[in-house]
């Protein structure tokens, strides 16, 4: 009887100790929903998180239980938007921004200096990946022109690679070793994945979503088996985003529809068990490789899922999230709506001129694109660089459009959204 009771207790404990996603404690979250764009860990304990809009960096040395703010917009004024953060080792790390600036630390994040020896200077860095002991790749941006930067000496010197012949915009790099790697983003005919086997000198397109306006936003290889790859497809208009998956190193791909348009984050701990999320959803879980999804009702505005092992992972969104069997007892901010653009269409339906205003709260980049009701890309209306807080008026002649319903897509530093209008 005693043995049976002991077995029951052990069995019950094993059931209650399953890892779950929880908000990390002791890190400043955003009451207005501005997100942490990236999180990076060297091991289970040592990691950093970057808040985009507030240009802030936080460091943890105890697995995300406590965080120290190392950098904010007061230290490096200039209205930067931090997109990503990556470290080669405990000392050398990098921050990519969407504002034509790139930063490096050599003391674990205590101090940062701007990298100024890249020619030409990148307009933005959307993706970073450190590989080996001294090699770092970066790419940009979600707006054109597309480029890759590379250093083989821990960021002392850099090579700039023009990628405009391959892509209209790049948002992610992922390398298996110093020579073999992938870059993802968009081309004129769809979201793409590119592959190089010579350290970025030449590239081959290995995947295309074949739907203009889509991005392959994030990439992941399965821990312990780099032949198993995953990608998050951010779509447009009325189309849902997708999970794409390869089990042969990117030679062939399968696509599975997800639950929202702006899917960005992806992370898997086995070939079948993983999560996705985006601007309007939290963690969506699949146990069958993407065929079906379950809303876990946790998290919001996800951009990165960083897998460490089968029982430990981190993610960036409205706050930083931790996948753990610990009980963190932290309030979830998943119901806080993230702030995007304040857009007002002045007249709808439209006769001949599409007019709207956008209230920009700070400097920004924006792509404004036109899609039909099926989500087919028609044309780019504007690629605009905003240099200060402003209310801006836009006016586009759409008299050549046939009568019907259309989407106008707005993609800026903090997100992507679409509004419908009717053309009479």
Protein backbone atom coordinates (compact mmCIF):
# COMPACT_ATOMS: atom_id res chain seq x y z
CA UNK A 1 0.00 0.00 0.00
CA UNK A 2 2.83 2.37 0.85
CA UNK A 3 4.60 1.55 -2.42
CA UNK A 4 1.40 2.17 -4.36
CA UNK A 5 0.90 5.52 -2.63
CA UNK A 6 4.50 6.54 -3.34
CA UNK A 7 4.11 5.59 -7.00
CA UNK A 8 0.91 7.62 -7.23
CA UNK A 9 2.58 10.68 -5.72
CA UNK A 10 5.57 10.43 -8.04
CA UNK A 11 3.26 9.98 -11.02
CA UNK A 12 1.21 13.01 -9.98
CA UNK A 13 4.33 15.14 -9.59
CA UNK A 14 5.53 14.13 -13.04
CA UNK A 15 2.23 15.31 -14.49
CA UNK A 16 2.32 18.68 -12.75
CA UNK A 17 5.95 19.41 -13.62
CA UNK A 18 5.45 19.74 -17.38
CA UNK A 19 7.02 22.90 -18.83
CA UNK A 20 4.70 25.76 -19.74
CA UNK A 21 5.11 29.26 -21.19
CA UNK A 22 5.09 31.97 -18.53
CA UNK A 23 6.03 35.68 -18.41
CA UNK A 24 9.51 36.18 -17.01
CA UNK A 25 9.67 38.07 -13.70
CA UNK A 26 11.51 41.26 -12.87
CA UNK A 27 11.75 42.70 -16.36
CA UNK A 28 10.03 45.94 -17.32
CA UNK A 29 7.03 45.20 -19.52
CA UNK A 30 5.12 47.63 -21.66
CA UNK A 31 1.78 48.97 -20.56
CA UNK A 32 1.20 50.19 -24.11
CA UNK A 33 2.20 46.90 -25.72
CA UNK A 34 5.43 47.97 -27.41
CA UNK A 35 7.28 44.72 -27.76
CA UNK A 36 10.59 43.16 -27.01
CA UNK A 37 11.73 42.41 -30.54
CA UNK A 38 14.42 39.88 -29.66
CA UNK A 39 15.83 37.63 -26.98
CA UNK A 40 19.14 35.75 -27.09
CA UNK A 41 20.76 33.25 -24.71
CA UNK A 42 24.27 31.82 -24.68
CA UNK A 43 23.18 29.09 -22.26
CA UNK A 44 20.29 28.38 -19.88
CA UNK A 45 21.32 31.18 -17.52
CA UNK A 46 23.02 33.95 -19.51
CA UNK A 47 20.91 35.98 -21.89
CA UNK A 48 19.83 39.38 -23.17
CA UNK A 49 16.55 40.92 -24.34
CA UNK A 50 16.09 43.93 -26.63
CA UNK A 51 13.05 46.21 -26.51
CA UNK A 52 12.45 47.71 -29.94
CA UNK A 53 10.59 51.00 -29.55
CA UNK A 54 12.29 52.00 -26.30
CA UNK A 55 15.79 51.02 -27.50
CA UNK A 56 16.48 49.14 -24.26
CA UNK A 57 18.68 46.13 -23.45
CA UNK A 58 18.26 43.87 -20.42
CA UNK A 59 20.62 41.14 -19.19
CA UNK A 60 20.01 38.09 -17.02
CA UNK A 61 22.52 35.73 -15.43
CA UNK A 62 20.03 33.45 -13.64
CA UNK A 63 17.85 32.11 -16.42
CA UNK A 64 15.50 35.05 -16.71
CA UNK A 65 14.48 35.27 -13.06
CA UNK A 66 16.14 38.67 -12.65
CA UNK A 67 17.07 41.29 -15.24
CA UNK A 68 19.40 44.29 -15.24
CA UNK A 69 18.81 47.18 -17.62
CA UNK A 70 22.09 47.84 -19.44
CA UNK A 71 21.04 50.31 -22.10
CA UNK A 72 18.14 52.60 -22.96
CA UNK A 73 17.33 55.51 -25.24
CA UNK A 74 18.81 57.94 -22.70
CA UNK A 75 22.26 56.34 -23.11
CA UNK A 76 22.25 56.51 -26.90
CA UNK A 77 19.77 59.22 -27.88
CA UNK A 78 18.71 59.25 -31.49
CA UNK A 79 15.35 57.54 -31.64
CA UNK A 80 16.68 54.08 -32.46
CA UNK A 81 14.47 51.03 -32.89
CA UNK A 82 16.26 47.86 -31.73
CA UNK A 83 15.33 44.89 -33.92
CA UNK A 84 17.73 42.18 -32.74
CA UNK A 85 20.52 41.24 -30.37
CA UNK A 86 23.20 38.56 -30.73
CA UNK A 87 26.36 37.56 -28.84
CA UNK A 88 29.46 35.66 -29.96
CA UNK A 89 30.52 34.99 -26.38
CA UNK A 90 30.02 36.44 -22.90
CA UNK A 91 31.73 39.70 -23.90
CA UNK A 92 31.20 40.43 -27.60
CA UNK A 93 27.71 41.22 -28.79
CA UNK A 94 25.79 43.24 -31.37
CA UNK A 95 22.54 45.18 -31.68
CA UNK A 96 20.85 45.76 -35.03
CA UNK A 97 18.54 48.75 -35.46
CA UNK A 98 16.05 49.89 -38.09
CA UNK A 99 17.60 53.37 -38.23
CA UNK A 100 20.88 52.99 -40.11
CA UNK A 101 22.93 52.29 -36.98
CA UNK A 102 24.64 49.14 -35.69
CA UNK A 103 26.14 48.72 -32.20
CA UNK A 104 28.79 46.48 -30.61
CA UNK A 105 29.82 45.67 -27.04
CA UNK A 106 33.04 44.05 -25.85
CA UNK A 107 32.18 43.94 -22.13
CA UNK A 108 28.99 41.87 -22.02
CA UNK A 109 26.65 44.77 -22.70
CA UNK A 110 27.80 47.28 -20.10
CA UNK A 111 28.97 49.66 -22.84
CA UNK A 112 28.05 49.94 -26.51
CA UNK A 113 29.72 51.75 -29.41
CA UNK A 114 28.41 52.35 -32.92
CA UNK A 115 30.01 50.33 -35.72
CA UNK A 116 31.06 52.83 -38.38
CA UNK A 117 33.42 50.85 -40.62
CA UNK A 118 30.86 49.13 -42.88
CA UNK A 119 30.83 50.48 -46.45
CA UNK A 120 28.23 51.30 -47.55
CA UNK A 121 26.50 51.82 -44.23
CA UNK A 122 23.52 49.41 -43.91
CA UNK A 123 20.13 51.14 -43.88
CA UNK A 124 18.98 48.68 -41.19
CA UNK A 125 19.82 45.31 -39.64
CA UNK A 126 16.83 42.97 -39.23
CA UNK A 127 18.64 39.66 -38.62
CA UNK A 128 21.86 38.60 -36.87
CA UNK A 129 23.54 35.22 -36.44
CA UNK A 130 26.86 34.39 -34.77
CA UNK A 131 28.55 31.15 -35.81
CA UNK A 132 31.82 29.60 -34.71
CA UNK A 133 34.17 31.62 -32.55
CA UNK A 134 34.51 34.81 -34.55
CA UNK A 135 32.03 34.94 -37.46
CA UNK A 136 28.89 37.08 -37.44
CA UNK A 137 26.34 37.64 -40.21
CA UNK A 138 23.66 40.29 -40.44
CA UNK A 139 20.94 41.12 -42.96
CA UNK A 140 18.38 43.77 -43.75
CA UNK A 141 15.91 45.05 -44.11
CA UNK A 142 12.20 44.33 -44.34
CA UNK A 143 12.26 47.34 -46.69
CA UNK A 144 14.67 47.46 -49.63
CA UNK A 145 17.46 47.45 -50.63
CA UNK A 146 18.44 43.99 -49.37
CA UNK A 147 21.94 43.32 -48.05
CA UNK A 148 24.14 41.00 -45.99
CA UNK A 149 26.98 42.08 -43.71
CA UNK A 150 29.68 39.68 -42.54
CA UNK A 151 32.64 39.71 -40.15
CA UNK A 152 35.12 36.89 -39.57
CA UNK A 153 37.15 38.68 -36.89
CA UNK A 154 34.57 39.21 -34.15
CA UNK A 155 33.25 42.41 -35.64
CA UNK A 156 36.53 44.31 -36.10
CA UNK A 157 36.15 44.48 -39.89
CA UNK A 158 33.13 43.95 -42.13
CA UNK A 159 32.16 42.98 -45.65
CA UNK A 160 28.99 44.34 -47.26
CA UNK A 161 27.17 42.10 -49.75
CA UNK A 162 24.54 43.64 -52.05
CA UNK A 163 21.58 41.22 -52.18
CA UNK A 164 19.24 43.31 -54.36
CA UNK A 165 19.54 40.84 -57.26
CA UNK A 166 18.15 38.08 -55.01
CA UNK A 167 15.64 39.83 -52.78
CA UNK A 168 13.52 42.92 -52.16
CA UNK A 169 14.10 42.67 -48.41
CA UNK A 170 15.76 40.30 -45.92
CA UNK A 171 14.77 39.80 -42.29
CA UNK A 172 16.58 36.66 -41.05
CA UNK A 173 19.94 34.89 -41.37
CA UNK A 174 20.67 31.42 -40.00
CA UNK A 175 24.03 29.69 -40.47
CA UNK A 176 24.97 26.06 -39.82
CA UNK A 177 28.71 26.83 -39.94
CA UNK A 178 30.94 29.64 -41.18
CA UNK A 179 30.18 28.85 -44.86
CA UNK A 180 26.73 27.25 -45.04
CA UNK A 181 23.67 29.24 -44.19
CA UNK A 182 20.28 30.67 -45.11
CA UNK A 183 18.67 34.07 -45.47
CA UNK A 184 14.95 34.77 -45.67
CA UNK A 185 12.63 37.62 -46.55
CA UNK A 186 10.73 38.58 -49.67
CA UNK A 187 11.17 38.89 -53.42
CA UNK A 188 8.81 40.44 -55.95
CA UNK A 189 7.00 37.12 -56.40
CA UNK A 190 6.75 35.90 -52.79
CA UNK A 191 8.42 35.10 -49.49
CA UNK A 192 11.79 33.45 -50.05
CA UNK A 193 14.58 31.42 -48.48
CA UNK A 194 18.08 31.69 -49.95
CA UNK A 195 21.01 29.34 -49.31
CA UNK A 196 24.77 29.84 -49.53
CA UNK A 197 27.56 27.27 -49.23
CA UNK A 198 30.45 29.69 -49.74
CA UNK A 199 30.02 32.13 -46.90
CA UNK A 200 27.65 34.46 -48.71
CA UNK A 201 29.53 34.96 -51.98
CA UNK A 202 26.74 33.29 -53.97
CA UNK A 203 23.15 32.41 -53.12
CA UNK A 204 20.48 30.06 -54.47
CA UNK A 205 16.75 30.41 -53.91
CA UNK A 206 15.50 27.18 -52.31
CA UNK A 207 11.95 28.22 -51.41
CA UNK A 208 9.31 30.69 -52.59
CA UNK A 209 5.78 31.10 -51.23
CA UNK A 210 4.68 32.37 -54.67
CA UNK A 211 2.42 35.02 -53.15
CA UNK A 212 3.66 38.59 -53.60
CA UNK A 213 3.85 40.59 -50.40
CA UNK A 214 4.62 37.64 -48.13
CA UNK A 215 7.79 37.29 -46.07
CA UNK A 216 9.54 34.24 -44.70
CA UNK A 217 10.11 35.99 -41.38
CA UNK A 218 11.92 33.64 -38.99
CA UNK A 219 13.91 30.42 -39.50
CA UNK A 220 14.85 27.60 -37.14
CA UNK A 221 16.75 24.33 -37.38
CA UNK A 222 15.87 21.57 -34.93
CA UNK A 223 18.36 21.14 -32.09
CA UNK A 224 20.47 18.06 -32.88
CA UNK A 225 19.17 17.65 -36.45
CA UNK A 226 19.81 20.58 -38.79
CA UNK A 227 18.08 18.76 -41.66
CA UNK A 228 14.77 19.58 -39.95
CA UNK A 229 13.99 23.23 -40.64
CA UNK A 230 11.04 25.49 -39.89
CA UNK A 231 10.02 28.89 -41.21
CA UNK A 232 7.33 31.41 -40.27
CA UNK A 233 5.50 33.02 -43.19
CA UNK A 234 4.00 36.46 -42.62
CA UNK A 235 1.20 36.99 -45.12
CA UNK A 236 -1.03 39.83 -46.28
CA UNK A 237 -4.63 40.93 -46.55
CA UNK A 238 -7.10 38.12 -45.93
CA UNK A 239 -4.51 35.34 -46.08
CA UNK A 240 -3.34 33.50 -42.99
CA UNK A 241 0.34 33.10 -42.28
CA UNK A 242 1.93 29.69 -42.57
CA UNK A 243 4.39 27.28 -41.06
CA UNK A 244 6.80 25.85 -43.61
CA UNK A 245 8.79 22.74 -42.79
CA UNK A 246 11.60 20.74 -44.38
CA UNK A 247 13.07 17.43 -43.21
CA UNK A 248 15.81 17.26 -45.84
CA UNK A 249 17.83 20.40 -45.16
CA UNK A 250 15.71 22.67 -47.33
CA UNK A 251 15.54 20.58 -50.50
CA UNK A 252 11.75 20.19 -50.24
CA UNK A 253 9.14 21.98 -48.11
CA UNK A 254 5.64 21.44 -46.79
CA UNK A 255 3.32 24.32 -45.89
CA UNK A 256 0.71 24.40 -43.11
CA UNK A 257 -1.75 27.24 -42.58
CA UNK A 258 -1.54 29.05 -39.26
CA UNK A 259 -4.10 31.13 -37.41
CA UNK A 260 -3.32 34.76 -38.23
CA UNK A 261 -1.94 36.90 -41.03
CA UNK A 262 1.12 38.40 -39.34
CA UNK A 263 2.86 35.22 -38.17
CA UNK A 264 6.47 35.96 -37.27
CA UNK A 265 7.83 33.78 -34.43
CA UNK A 266 8.50 30.05 -34.76
CA UNK A 267 10.14 27.52 -32.43
CA UNK A 268 10.05 23.71 -32.22
CA UNK A 269 11.49 21.32 -29.63
CA UNK A 270 10.75 18.17 -31.66
CA UNK A 271 9.85 17.55 -35.27
CA UNK A 272 6.16 17.78 -34.35
CA UNK A 273 5.95 19.83 -31.14
CA UNK A 274 6.34 23.57 -31.46
CA UNK A 275 4.83 27.04 -31.38
CA UNK A 276 4.15 30.04 -33.58
CA UNK A 277 2.89 33.54 -32.89
CA UNK A 278 2.64 37.01 -34.32
CA UNK A 279 1.42 40.56 -33.87
CA UNK A 280 -2.13 39.69 -32.84
CA UNK A 281 -1.72 36.29 -31.22
CA UNK A 282 0.22 34.66 -28.44
CA UNK A 283 1.55 31.12 -28.39
CA UNK A 284 -0.17 28.78 -30.84
CA UNK A 285 0.92 25.20 -30.14
CA UNK A 286 1.06 22.22 -32.47
CA UNK A 287 1.72 18.60 -31.54
CA UNK A 288 1.40 17.25 -35.08
CA UNK A 289 3.91 19.29 -37.04
CA UNK A 290 1.61 22.17 -37.91
CA UNK A 291 -1.50 20.34 -39.11
CA UNK A 292 -3.55 21.64 -36.16
CA UNK A 293 -3.01 24.47 -33.68
CA UNK A 294 -4.16 25.19 -30.12
CA UNK A 295 -4.27 28.68 -28.62
CA UNK A 296 -2.49 28.53 -25.24
CA UNK A 297 -3.98 31.90 -24.18
CA UNK A 298 -0.59 33.21 -23.12
CA UNK A 299 1.61 35.85 -24.71
CA UNK A 300 1.10 38.57 -27.28
CA UNK A 301 2.89 40.31 -30.15
CA UNK A 302 5.54 37.58 -30.53
CA UNK A 303 8.61 38.07 -32.72
CA UNK A 304 11.19 35.49 -31.56
CA UNK A 305 11.09 32.03 -29.97
CA UNK A 306 14.57 31.00 -28.83
CA UNK A 307 14.92 27.27 -28.16
CA UNK A 308 17.63 26.06 -25.78
CA UNK A 309 16.54 22.43 -25.30
CA UNK A 310 13.40 20.33 -24.98
CA UNK A 311 12.51 21.78 -21.57
CA UNK A 312 13.84 25.34 -21.74
CA UNK A 313 13.12 28.15 -24.18
CA UNK A 314 12.53 31.89 -24.22
CA UNK A 315 10.44 34.20 -26.38
CA UNK A 316 10.10 37.93 -26.99
CA UNK A 317 6.81 39.74 -27.29
CA UNK A 318 4.84 42.13 -25.09
CA UNK A 319 7.27 40.93 -22.43
CA UNK A 320 9.86 38.14 -22.27
CA UNK A 321 8.43 34.64 -21.85
CA UNK A 322 10.07 31.52 -20.46
CA UNK A 323 9.24 27.87 -21.20
CA UNK A 324 9.91 26.16 -17.88
CA UNK A 325 8.59 23.74 -15.29
CA UNK A 326 9.15 26.41 -12.62
CA UNK A 327 6.23 28.44 -11.26
CA UNK A 328 7.04 32.10 -11.89
CA UNK A 329 3.79 33.71 -10.66
CA UNK A 330 3.97 36.74 -12.93
CA UNK A 331 1.05 38.66 -14.41
CA UNK A 332 0.50 37.97 -18.09
CA UNK A 333 0.16 40.96 -20.40
CA UNK A 334 -1.38 38.97 -23.24
CA UNK A 335 -4.56 41.06 -23.23
CA UNK A 336 -2.67 44.32 -23.74
CA UNK A 337 -3.15 45.46 -27.33
CA UNK A 338 0.09 46.44 -28.97
CA UNK A 339 0.15 49.94 -30.36
CA UNK A 340 0.55 50.17 -34.08
CA UNK A 341 -0.12 53.09 -36.41
CA UNK A 342 -2.96 55.55 -35.97
CA UNK A 343 -4.40 55.56 -39.51
CA UNK A 344 -7.57 57.31 -40.66
CA UNK A 345 -9.03 56.85 -44.14
CA UNK A 346 -10.68 60.19 -44.86
CA UNK A 347 -13.30 58.96 -47.33
CA UNK A 348 -14.60 55.44 -47.84
CA UNK A 349 -15.96 54.41 -50.36
CA UNK A 350 -13.45 56.05 -52.70
CA UNK A 351 -14.22 57.65 -56.05
CA UNK A 352 -10.83 58.48 -57.55
CA UNK A 353 -8.46 59.48 -54.74
CA UNK A 354 -7.54 57.33 -51.75
CA UNK A 355 -6.78 59.74 -48.92
CA UNK A 356 -5.66 58.92 -45.38
CA UNK A 357 -3.58 60.29 -42.54
CA UNK A 358 -0.98 58.50 -40.42
CA UNK A 359 -0.01 59.79 -37.01
CA UNK A 360 3.66 58.82 -36.55
CA UNK A 361 4.68 58.96 -32.89
CA UNK A 362 8.40 58.85 -33.74
CA UNK A 363 10.79 58.38 -36.66
CA UNK A 364 9.89 55.32 -38.67
CA UNK A 365 10.09 53.34 -41.91
CA UNK A 366 6.93 52.40 -43.74
CA UNK A 367 5.87 50.41 -46.78
CA UNK A 368 2.36 51.16 -48.08
CA UNK A 369 1.07 48.54 -50.52
CA UNK A 370 -2.13 47.82 -52.40
CA UNK A 371 -3.79 44.37 -52.56
CA UNK A 372 -7.05 43.11 -54.03
CA UNK A 373 -9.68 41.39 -51.90
CA UNK A 374 -8.09 37.96 -52.49
CA UNK A 375 -4.76 39.18 -51.09
CA UNK A 376 -3.06 39.53 -54.49
CA UNK A 377 -0.34 42.17 -54.52
CA UNK A 378 -1.10 44.99 -56.97
CA UNK A 379 1.56 47.64 -56.37
CA UNK A 380 3.60 49.54 -53.82
CA UNK A 381 2.12 52.97 -53.18
CA UNK A 382 4.91 54.37 -51.04
CA UNK A 383 8.21 53.57 -49.33
CA UNK A 384 8.52 56.38 -46.82
CA UNK A 385 11.23 57.32 -44.32
CA UNK A 386 9.86 59.29 -41.37
CA UNK A 387 12.45 61.37 -39.53
CA UNK A 388 10.38 62.85 -36.71
CA UNK A 389 7.04 62.72 -34.94
CA UNK A 390 4.45 63.94 -37.42
CA UNK A 391 0.90 63.69 -38.74
CA UNK A 392 1.26 63.00 -42.45
CA UNK A 393 -1.33 63.16 -45.21
CA UNK A 394 -1.32 60.70 -48.11
CA UNK A 395 -3.23 60.95 -51.39
CA UNK A 396 -3.12 58.29 -54.14
CA UNK A 397 -5.00 58.29 -57.43
CA UNK A 398 -6.88 54.98 -57.76
CA UNK A 399 -9.21 55.95 -60.59
CA UNK A 400 -7.83 53.11 -62.73
CA UNK A 401 -9.04 50.46 -60.28
CA UNK A 402 -12.20 48.58 -61.12
CA UNK A 403 -15.05 48.85 -58.63
CA UNK A 404 -14.67 46.53 -55.66
CA UNK A 405 -13.03 46.01 -52.26
CA UNK A 406 -9.29 46.34 -51.70
CA UNK A 407 -6.73 46.08 -48.91
CA UNK A 408 -4.17 48.75 -48.20
CA UNK A 409 -1.25 47.25 -46.24
CA UNK A 410 0.86 49.29 -43.80
CA UNK A 411 4.20 47.82 -42.70
CA UNK A 412 6.32 49.88 -40.32
CA UNK A 413 8.96 49.22 -37.67
CA UNK A 414 6.48 48.09 -35.03
CA UNK A 415 4.20 45.91 -37.10
CA UNK A 416 1.99 45.28 -40.07
CA UNK A 417 -1.71 45.85 -40.55
CA UNK A 418 -4.25 46.16 -43.35
CA UNK A 419 -7.38 48.26 -43.84
CA UNK A 420 -10.16 47.71 -46.35
CA UNK A 421 -11.55 50.33 -48.67
CA UNK A 422 -14.23 50.24 -51.36
CA UNK A 423 -13.63 51.67 -54.82
CA UNK A 424 -16.86 52.89 -56.46
